[in-house]
Amino acid sequence: MSFRTRDPLHHLMLDDVRGAQKMLAGVARVTAMEGSRHLSSLVGAPVQLKCENLQRTGSFKLRGAYVRIAGLRPEERAAGVVAASAGNHAQGVALASKLLGVRATVFMPVGAPLPKVAATREYGAEVRLHGHVVDETLAAAEQYARETGAVFIHPFDHPDIIVGQGTVGLEILEQCPEVRTILVGVGGGGLAAGIGLAVKSLRPDVKVIGVQAEGAAAYPPSLAAGHPVVVESPVTMADGIKVGRPGDVPFSLVQEYVDDVVTVSEDALSSALLLCLERAKLVVEPAGASPVAALLSDPKAFRGPVVAVLSGGNVDPLLLQRILRHGMAAGGRYLSLRLRVTDRPGALATLLAVLTVADANVLDVSHVRTDPRLGLTEAEVELHLETKGPEHCREVEDALRDAGYTVLG
């Protein structure tokens, strides 16, 4: 099964996605659909989470990679495949190649998280670290393909990839036939294009909404212009959707089948990831949490029942630690303050006693007494506190002011 000989912009059909679904039987998991009471209460309608973070390799990418590689001619398989990725696509290509008996070489950035590099190797691919940004890694993989004859497996800009990802849409309709809105993260657009094609072909009444990070939102200007537009130097913690230009193939399908593309802030992404951990007990990477971030940002904007696609769960533990801190701060769970106090014995103990009464947990204290900006009898204290939410933050600040302290920032 391959669509290489077709006009990729016009001839993908529902039957192609159904064919991919048959091909993936026994290869890709039919991932679970989990309800979220908390999100349902915010939206005012049922919200279901499509857990592609629990897919083999930890993301939906296996679906498209397997369909693409399975469609290669025998001589192409013999030449091997090559891919470039910082994580999810790398692992999808590595496992798909192993299952199909095809040699795989994967180029990854020098700074790629070690767990993702190790997983890609464990799935059987040869990993080559090259470049410090994905564009450099991509160029190296394409050069390798030209020099060796290996087939380059693009992460989103190929019809086979798109119909493989579209099987997620078929599963959603089977698992939640009453769905009215589907939210899906968008980078290059392969997953949104595939889901849109599958869902709209069967249920044109269902809204398919793409979600992008504000700092890497190439689709809104591209859709407005009517052609792919480059966003220079995209910046976001959501590396899975950090793509500066839509793919040509998925862009045409997104134009036709996706109703809207909305954007979310970094604060919303970190809060969404934290919510998935705390409320749903699911480890989700920032890109996978983007649909939840859209619900948190504007919960009344979407007609229910809603399905949010958690597209992946491959998050580096160090990044997860930073994101959790960021998410807790955005949710009012951390409070950082600077105060001026009188430089005398017992002053710090008195300050901490005020915080004890206010029920704020002190995580860190920095006590500066020698700064030339300070008066002779002054000291400056920087506090990092664990709090219970925005209202508690205000209560803590009020308690400090009532006790005579000046909050500097």
Protein backbone atom coordinates (compact mmCIF):
# COMPACT_ATOMS: atom_id res chain seq x y z
CA MET A 1 0.00 0.00 0.00
CA SER A 2 1.52 3.31 -1.05
CA PHE A 3 0.31 6.62 -2.42
CA ARG A 4 3.58 7.78 -3.99
CA THR A 5 2.18 7.64 -7.53
CA ARG A 6 -0.90 9.69 -6.74
CA ASP A 7 -1.36 13.45 -6.65
CA PRO A 8 -0.95 13.78 -2.87
CA LEU A 9 -2.93 17.01 -2.64
CA HIS A 10 -6.24 15.71 -3.97
CA HIS A 11 -6.62 11.96 -3.98
CA LEU A 12 -6.38 10.78 -0.38
CA MET A 13 -9.67 9.20 0.61
CA LEU A 14 -11.38 7.50 3.51
CA ASP A 15 -10.66 4.10 1.98
CA ASP A 16 -6.93 4.86 2.19
CA VAL A 17 -7.23 5.46 5.94
CA ARG A 18 -9.28 2.29 6.34
CA GLY A 19 -6.59 0.40 4.46
CA ALA A 20 -3.99 1.79 6.82
CA GLN A 21 -6.11 0.70 9.77
CA LYS A 22 -6.11 -2.89 8.51
CA MET A 23 -2.37 -2.74 7.96
CA LEU A 24 -1.79 -1.53 11.51
CA ALA A 25 -3.92 -4.23 13.15
CA GLY A 26 -1.68 -6.02 15.63
CA VAL A 27 1.05 -3.39 15.17
CA ALA A 28 -0.34 -0.18 16.69
CA ARG A 29 -2.46 -0.29 19.82
CA VAL A 30 -6.06 0.89 19.83
CA THR A 31 -5.30 3.36 22.58
CA ALA A 32 -7.63 4.00 25.48
CA MET A 33 -10.21 6.77 25.77
CA GLU A 34 -10.32 8.18 29.30
CA GLY A 35 -12.95 10.56 30.67
CA SER A 36 -11.95 13.67 32.62
CA ARG A 37 -14.39 14.86 35.25
CA HIS A 38 -12.42 18.03 35.91
CA LEU A 39 -12.30 19.10 32.27
CA SER A 40 -15.92 18.06 31.78
CA SER A 41 -16.96 20.37 34.62
CA LEU A 42 -15.02 23.26 33.06
CA VAL A 43 -16.44 22.71 29.58
CA GLY A 44 -19.95 21.89 30.76
CA ALA A 45 -19.98 18.76 28.59
CA PRO A 46 -18.23 15.37 28.54
CA VAL A 47 -14.51 15.49 27.76
CA GLN A 48 -12.62 12.37 26.72
CA LEU A 49 -8.84 12.00 26.43
CA LYS A 50 -7.53 9.91 23.51
CA CYS A 51 -4.38 8.45 25.04
CA GLU A 52 -1.85 8.20 22.22
CA ASN A 53 0.76 8.83 24.92
CA LEU A 54 0.16 5.15 25.74
CA GLN A 55 0.83 4.06 22.15
CA ARG A 56 3.87 1.88 21.40
CA THR A 57 6.98 4.11 21.38
CA GLY A 58 4.97 6.65 23.41
CA SER A 59 3.29 8.54 20.57
CA PHE A 60 1.11 8.28 17.46
CA LYS A 61 4.16 8.43 15.18
CA LEU A 62 4.43 4.64 14.85
CA ARG A 63 1.20 4.62 12.81
CA GLY A 64 2.41 6.77 9.94
CA ALA A 65 5.98 5.46 9.98
CA TYR A 66 4.81 1.84 9.69
CA VAL A 67 2.42 2.55 6.82
CA ARG A 68 5.11 4.52 4.96
CA ILE A 69 7.83 1.89 5.31
CA ALA A 70 5.45 -1.01 4.63
CA GLY A 71 4.59 0.63 1.30
CA LEU A 72 8.18 0.66 0.02
CA ARG A 73 9.15 -1.47 -2.94
CA PRO A 74 11.53 -4.42 -2.27
CA GLU A 75 14.52 -2.57 -3.73
CA GLU A 76 13.74 0.46 -1.54
CA ARG A 77 13.54 -1.69 1.57
CA ALA A 78 16.89 -3.22 0.66
CA ALA A 79 18.45 0.27 0.56
CA GLY A 80 17.23 1.01 4.09
CA VAL A 81 15.53 4.11 5.45
CA VAL A 82 16.75 7.29 7.10
CA ALA A 83 14.95 9.83 9.27
CA ALA A 84 15.68 12.98 11.24
CA SER A 85 14.00 13.65 14.56
CA ALA A 86 14.52 14.86 18.09
CA GLY A 87 12.39 12.07 19.54
CA ASN A 88 8.95 10.73 18.65
CA HIS A 89 9.38 10.26 14.90
CA ALA A 90 12.79 8.71 15.54
CA GLN A 91 11.29 6.05 17.77
CA GLY A 92 8.37 5.42 15.43
CA VAL A 93 10.67 4.88 12.45
CA ALA A 94 13.03 2.72 14.50
CA LEU A 95 10.31 0.33 15.71
CA ALA A 96 8.47 0.22 12.37
CA SER A 97 11.73 -0.63 10.60
CA LYS A 98 12.51 -3.36 13.12
CA LEU A 99 9.06 -4.92 12.70
CA LEU A 100 9.40 -4.86 8.90
CA GLY A 101 13.02 -6.03 8.78
CA VAL A 102 14.36 -2.81 7.26
CA ARG A 103 17.66 -1.20 8.20
CA ALA A 104 17.11 2.25 9.75
CA THR A 105 19.47 5.15 10.35
CA VAL A 106 18.15 8.03 12.45
CA PHE A 107 19.83 11.42 12.73
CA MET A 108 19.16 13.23 16.01
CA PRO A 109 20.40 16.61 17.31
CA VAL A 110 23.47 16.58 19.54
CA GLY A 111 21.36 17.87 22.44
CA ALA A 112 18.55 15.33 22.06
CA PRO A 113 17.40 13.98 25.46
CA LEU A 114 19.36 10.87 26.39
CA PRO A 115 16.24 8.74 27.13
CA LYS A 116 14.97 9.37 23.57
CA VAL A 117 18.36 8.54 22.04
CA ALA A 118 18.60 5.35 24.11
CA ALA A 119 15.05 4.28 23.20
CA THR A 120 15.67 4.82 19.48
CA ARG A 121 18.78 2.62 19.66
CA GLU A 122 16.93 -0.02 21.66
CA TYR A 123 14.29 -0.22 18.91
CA GLY A 124 17.11 -1.22 16.56
CA ALA A 125 18.04 1.94 14.64
CA GLU A 126 21.55 3.26 14.13
CA VAL A 127 21.58 6.71 15.74
CA ARG A 128 23.85 9.47 14.44
CA LEU A 129 24.04 12.70 16.43
CA HIS A 130 24.45 15.71 14.18
CA GLY A 131 23.68 19.41 14.47
CA HIS A 132 22.33 21.49 17.31
CA VAL A 133 18.96 22.33 15.74
CA VAL A 134 16.55 20.09 13.86
CA ASP A 135 17.15 21.90 10.54
CA GLU A 136 20.83 20.88 10.66
CA THR A 137 19.88 17.33 11.56
CA LEU A 138 17.35 17.21 8.72
CA ALA A 139 19.94 18.42 6.20
CA ALA A 140 22.36 15.71 7.33
CA ALA A 141 19.69 13.00 6.94
CA GLU A 142 18.77 14.21 3.45
CA GLN A 143 22.42 14.24 2.43
CA TYR A 144 22.81 10.71 3.77
CA ALA A 145 19.81 9.65 1.66
CA ARG A 146 21.36 11.14 -1.49
CA GLU A 147 24.72 9.50 -0.85
CA THR A 148 23.48 6.03 0.11
CA GLY A 149 20.15 5.62 -1.67
CA ALA A 150 18.32 5.15 1.63
CA VAL A 151 14.69 6.28 1.55
CA PHE A 152 14.06 9.43 3.55
CA ILE A 153 11.05 9.04 5.85
CA HIS A 154 9.56 12.49 6.38
CA PRO A 155 7.79 13.02 9.73
CA PHE A 156 4.61 14.52 8.19
CA ASP A 157 4.92 15.56 4.54
CA HIS A 158 3.89 12.35 2.78
CA PRO A 159 0.49 10.77 2.00
CA ASP A 160 1.34 7.43 3.61
CA ILE A 161 2.28 9.17 6.84
CA ILE A 162 -1.00 11.11 6.84
CA VAL A 163 -3.29 8.12 6.29
CA GLY A 164 -1.44 6.24 9.02
CA GLN A 165 -2.06 9.07 11.46
CA GLY A 166 -5.66 9.26 10.25
CA THR A 167 -6.39 5.92 11.90
CA VAL A 168 -6.54 7.87 15.19
CA GLY A 169 -9.64 9.60 13.80
CA LEU A 170 -11.34 6.30 12.95
CA GLU A 171 -10.72 5.04 16.48
CA ILE A 172 -12.16 8.20 17.99
CA LEU A 173 -15.41 7.78 16.05
CA GLU A 174 -15.63 4.13 17.08
CA GLN A 175 -14.89 4.83 20.77
CA CYS A 176 -16.88 8.05 21.13
CA PRO A 177 -19.56 8.12 18.39
CA GLU A 178 -21.32 11.05 20.09
CA VAL A 179 -18.26 13.34 19.72
CA ARG A 180 -18.90 16.89 18.49
CA THR A 181 -15.40 18.43 18.74
CA ILE A 182 -11.92 16.93 18.36
CA LEU A 183 -8.88 18.90 19.55
CA VAL A 184 -5.46 17.89 18.22
CA GLY A 185 -2.00 19.41 18.47
CA VAL A 186 -0.48 20.68 15.22
CA GLY A 187 3.17 20.92 14.20
CA GLY A 188 3.74 20.08 10.54
CA GLY A 189 0.11 19.01 10.32
CA GLY A 190 0.24 15.28 9.56
CA LEU A 191 -1.88 14.15 12.51
CA ALA A 192 -4.48 16.92 12.13
CA ALA A 193 -4.71 16.31 8.38
CA GLY A 194 -5.19 12.57 8.84
CA ILE A 195 -7.77 12.93 11.61
CA GLY A 196 -9.60 15.63 9.64
CA LEU A 197 -9.73 13.48 6.50
CA ALA A 198 -11.02 10.41 8.35
CA VAL A 199 -13.51 12.19 10.59
CA LYS A 200 -14.98 14.65 8.09
CA SER A 201 -15.45 11.91 5.49
CA LEU A 202 -17.75 10.08 7.90
CA ARG A 203 -19.04 12.86 10.16
CA PRO A 204 -18.89 16.32 8.55
CA ASP A 205 -20.78 17.71 11.57
CA VAL A 206 -17.84 17.06 13.91
CA LYS A 207 -15.55 20.05 14.43
CA VAL A 208 -11.82 19.31 14.12
CA ILE A 209 -9.75 22.00 15.82
CA GLY A 210 -5.95 22.21 15.62
CA VAL A 211 -3.89 23.60 18.50
CA GLN A 212 -0.48 25.27 18.18
CA ALA A 213 1.91 26.89 20.64
CA GLU A 214 1.90 30.68 20.34
CA GLY A 215 5.65 30.79 19.74
CA ALA A 216 5.53 28.23 16.92
CA ALA A 217 2.21 28.94 15.22
CA ALA A 218 2.83 28.65 11.49
CA TYR A 219 -0.67 27.51 10.54
CA PRO A 220 -2.79 30.61 11.34
CA PRO A 221 -0.75 32.92 9.06
CA SER A 222 -0.41 30.15 6.46
CA LEU A 223 -4.16 29.55 6.34
CA ALA A 224 -4.76 33.30 6.09
CA ALA A 225 -2.28 33.57 3.21
CA GLY A 226 -3.56 30.44 1.44
CA HIS A 227 -0.12 28.82 1.31
CA PRO A 228 2.53 27.62 3.79
CA VAL A 229 4.30 30.50 5.55
CA VAL A 230 7.57 30.19 7.45
CA VAL A 231 7.76 31.25 11.09
CA GLU A 232 11.36 32.17 11.78
CA SER A 233 12.96 30.75 14.93
CA PRO A 234 9.93 29.08 16.54
CA VAL A 235 10.19 28.97 20.33
CA THR A 236 8.18 26.68 22.60
CA MET A 237 8.67 24.00 25.24
CA ALA A 238 6.42 21.77 23.08
CA ASP A 239 9.15 20.36 20.84
CA GLY A 240 6.73 17.85 19.29
CA ILE A 241 4.85 20.70 17.55
CA LYS A 242 7.80 23.08 17.16
CA VAL A 243 7.70 23.29 13.36
CA GLY A 244 8.43 26.50 11.48
CA ARG A 245 6.58 25.67 8.27
CA PRO A 246 3.53 23.50 7.48
CA GLY A 247 4.10 20.55 5.21
CA ASP A 248 2.78 20.97 1.65
CA VAL A 249 0.78 17.74 1.70
CA PRO A 250 -0.89 18.15 5.11
CA PHE A 251 -1.48 21.88 4.56
CA SER A 252 -3.90 21.24 1.69
CA LEU A 253 -5.82 18.71 3.78
CA VAL A 254 -5.89 20.96 6.84
CA GLN A 255 -7.34 23.70 4.65
CA GLU A 256 -10.12 21.36 3.58
CA TYR A 257 -10.86 19.31 6.68
CA VAL A 258 -9.79 21.26 9.79
CA ASP A 259 -12.26 23.87 11.00
CA ASP A 260 -9.88 26.13 12.91
CA VAL A 261 -6.40 26.34 14.42
CA VAL A 262 -6.09 28.04 17.81
CA THR A 263 -2.97 28.94 19.79
CA VAL A 264 -2.04 28.45 23.45
CA SER A 265 0.53 30.07 25.73
CA GLU A 266 3.48 28.42 27.45
CA ASP A 267 1.74 28.93 30.78
CA ALA A 268 -1.31 27.08 29.47
CA LEU A 269 0.87 24.22 28.19
CA SER A 270 2.62 23.75 31.53
CA SER A 271 -0.67 23.98 33.43
CA ALA A 272 -2.18 21.38 31.09
CA LEU A 273 0.72 18.99 31.60
CA LEU A 274 0.40 19.40 35.37
CA LEU A 275 -3.36 18.74 35.17
CA CYS A 276 -2.79 15.54 33.18
CA LEU A 277 -0.40 14.32 35.85
CA GLU A 278 -2.45 15.32 38.88
CA ARG A 279 -6.01 14.68 37.72
CA ALA A 280 -5.72 12.05 34.96
CA LYS A 281 -2.58 10.29 36.27
CA LEU A 282 -1.12 10.45 32.75
CA VAL A 283 2.41 11.41 31.74
CA VAL A 284 2.03 13.66 28.70
CA GLU A 285 4.62 15.74 26.88
CA PRO A 286 3.90 19.45 26.23
CA ALA A 287 2.86 18.89 22.61
CA GLY A 288 0.50 16.12 23.71
CA ALA A 289 -1.00 18.39 26.35
CA SER A 290 -1.75 21.21 23.87
CA PRO A 291 -5.43 20.20 23.37
CA VAL A 292 -5.91 20.27 27.15
CA ALA A 293 -4.22 23.69 27.20
CA ALA A 294 -6.82 24.91 24.69
CA LEU A 295 -9.62 23.67 26.95
CA LEU A 296 -8.10 25.39 29.97
CA SER A 297 -7.62 28.64 28.02
CA ASP A 298 -11.21 28.88 26.74
CA PRO A 299 -13.34 26.02 28.08
CA LYS A 300 -16.66 27.37 26.78
CA ALA A 301 -15.42 27.71 23.19
CA PHE A 302 -15.91 24.06 22.26
CA ARG A 303 -19.14 22.15 21.78
CA GLY A 304 -19.23 18.84 23.63
CA PRO A 305 -18.75 16.00 23.84
CA VAL A 306 -15.08 16.87 23.26
CA VAL A 307 -12.18 14.51 22.54
CA ALA A 308 -8.68 15.84 23.25
CA VAL A 309 -5.91 13.85 21.57
CA LEU A 310 -2.94 13.34 23.91
CA SER A 311 -0.53 12.74 21.06
CA GLY A 312 2.57 11.73 23.02
CA GLY A 313 4.15 11.08 26.39
CA ASN A 314 7.88 11.15 25.65
CA VAL A 315 9.11 13.90 27.91
CA ASP A 316 12.66 14.19 29.21
CA PRO A 317 12.65 13.93 33.04
CA LEU A 318 14.75 17.09 33.41
CA LEU A 319 12.41 19.05 31.16
CA LEU A 320 9.44 17.59 33.02
CA GLN A 321 10.88 18.87 36.29
CA ARG A 322 11.23 22.40 34.88
CA ILE A 323 7.79 22.31 33.29
CA LEU A 324 6.18 21.18 36.52
CA ARG A 325 7.76 24.07 38.37
CA HIS A 326 6.57 26.43 35.63
CA GLY A 327 3.08 24.93 35.69
CA MET A 328 2.85 25.17 39.46
CA ALA A 329 3.95 28.80 39.32
CA ALA A 330 1.41 29.57 36.59
CA GLY A 331 -1.27 27.92 38.72
CA GLY A 332 -0.38 29.95 41.80
CA ARG A 333 1.33 27.02 43.53
CA TYR A 334 4.70 28.77 43.80
CA LEU A 335 5.32 32.31 44.99
CA SER A 336 8.65 34.15 44.80
CA LEU A 337 9.10 37.37 46.82
CA ARG A 338 11.80 39.88 47.73
CA LEU A 339 11.50 41.78 51.00
CA ARG A 340 13.50 44.37 52.95
CA VAL A 341 13.88 43.57 56.64
CA THR A 342 15.71 45.14 59.56
CA ASP A 343 19.18 43.63 59.94
CA ARG A 344 19.04 42.49 63.54
CA PRO A 345 19.16 39.15 65.35
CA GLY A 346 15.88 37.25 65.08
CA ALA A 347 14.55 39.27 62.10
CA LEU A 348 14.54 36.27 59.78
CA ALA A 349 12.89 34.06 62.40
CA THR A 350 10.16 36.68 62.86
CA LEU A 351 9.55 36.76 59.10
CA LEU A 352 9.33 32.97 58.90
CA ALA A 353 6.86 32.96 61.79
CA VAL A 354 4.54 35.22 59.76
CA LEU A 355 4.76 32.77 56.87
CA THR A 356 4.02 29.85 59.19
CA VAL A 357 0.80 31.51 60.34
CA ALA A 358 -0.08 32.19 56.67
CA ASP A 359 0.43 28.44 55.98
CA ALA A 360 3.04 29.02 53.25
CA ASN A 361 5.71 26.34 52.91
CA VAL A 362 9.20 27.84 52.52
CA LEU A 363 11.21 26.08 49.81
CA ASP A 364 14.22 28.35 49.67
CA VAL A 365 15.57 31.46 51.44
CA SER A 366 18.29 33.84 50.28
CA HIS A 367 19.47 36.36 52.91
CA VAL A 368 21.61 39.25 51.58
CA ARG A 369 23.23 41.68 54.02
CA THR A 370 26.16 43.18 52.07
CA ASP A 371 24.57 44.68 48.96
CA PRO A 372 25.65 48.35 48.57
CA ARG A 373 22.05 49.24 47.69
CA LEU A 374 20.98 48.33 51.22
CA GLY A 375 20.91 50.75 54.14
CA LEU A 376 23.20 50.26 57.09
CA THR A 377 20.50 48.51 59.12
CA GLU A 378 18.78 46.70 56.23
CA ALA A 379 18.89 43.20 54.74
CA GLU A 380 17.13 41.77 51.75
CA VAL A 381 15.41 38.40 51.80
CA GLU A 382 14.35 36.45 48.72
CA LEU A 383 11.79 33.73 49.36
CA HIS A 384 10.49 30.86 47.27
CA LEU A 385 7.25 29.55 48.73
CA GLU A 386 4.89 26.68 48.01
CA THR A 387 1.30 27.96 48.05
CA LYS A 388 -2.20 26.63 47.42
CA GLY A 389 -3.33 28.77 44.51
CA PRO A 390 -3.74 32.40 43.41
CA GLU A 391 -6.03 33.32 46.33
CA HIS A 392 -3.58 31.90 48.85
CA CYS A 393 -0.76 33.89 47.17
CA ARG A 394 -2.71 37.08 47.76
CA GLU A 395 -3.38 36.08 51.37
CA VAL A 396 0.35 35.51 51.96
CA GLU A 397 1.28 38.90 50.48
CA ASP A 398 -1.43 40.60 52.56
CA ALA A 399 -0.16 38.90 55.72
CA LEU A 400 3.36 40.18 55.05
CA ARG A 401 2.17 43.71 54.43
CA ASP A 402 0.00 43.61 57.55
CA ALA A 403 3.09 42.62 59.50
CA GLY A 404 4.89 45.74 58.23
CA TYR A 405 7.00 44.24 55.45
CA THR A 406 7.46 45.93 52.06
CA VAL A 407 7.15 43.49 49.16
CA LEU A 408 9.64 44.56 46.48
CA GLY A 409 8.74 42.00 43.81
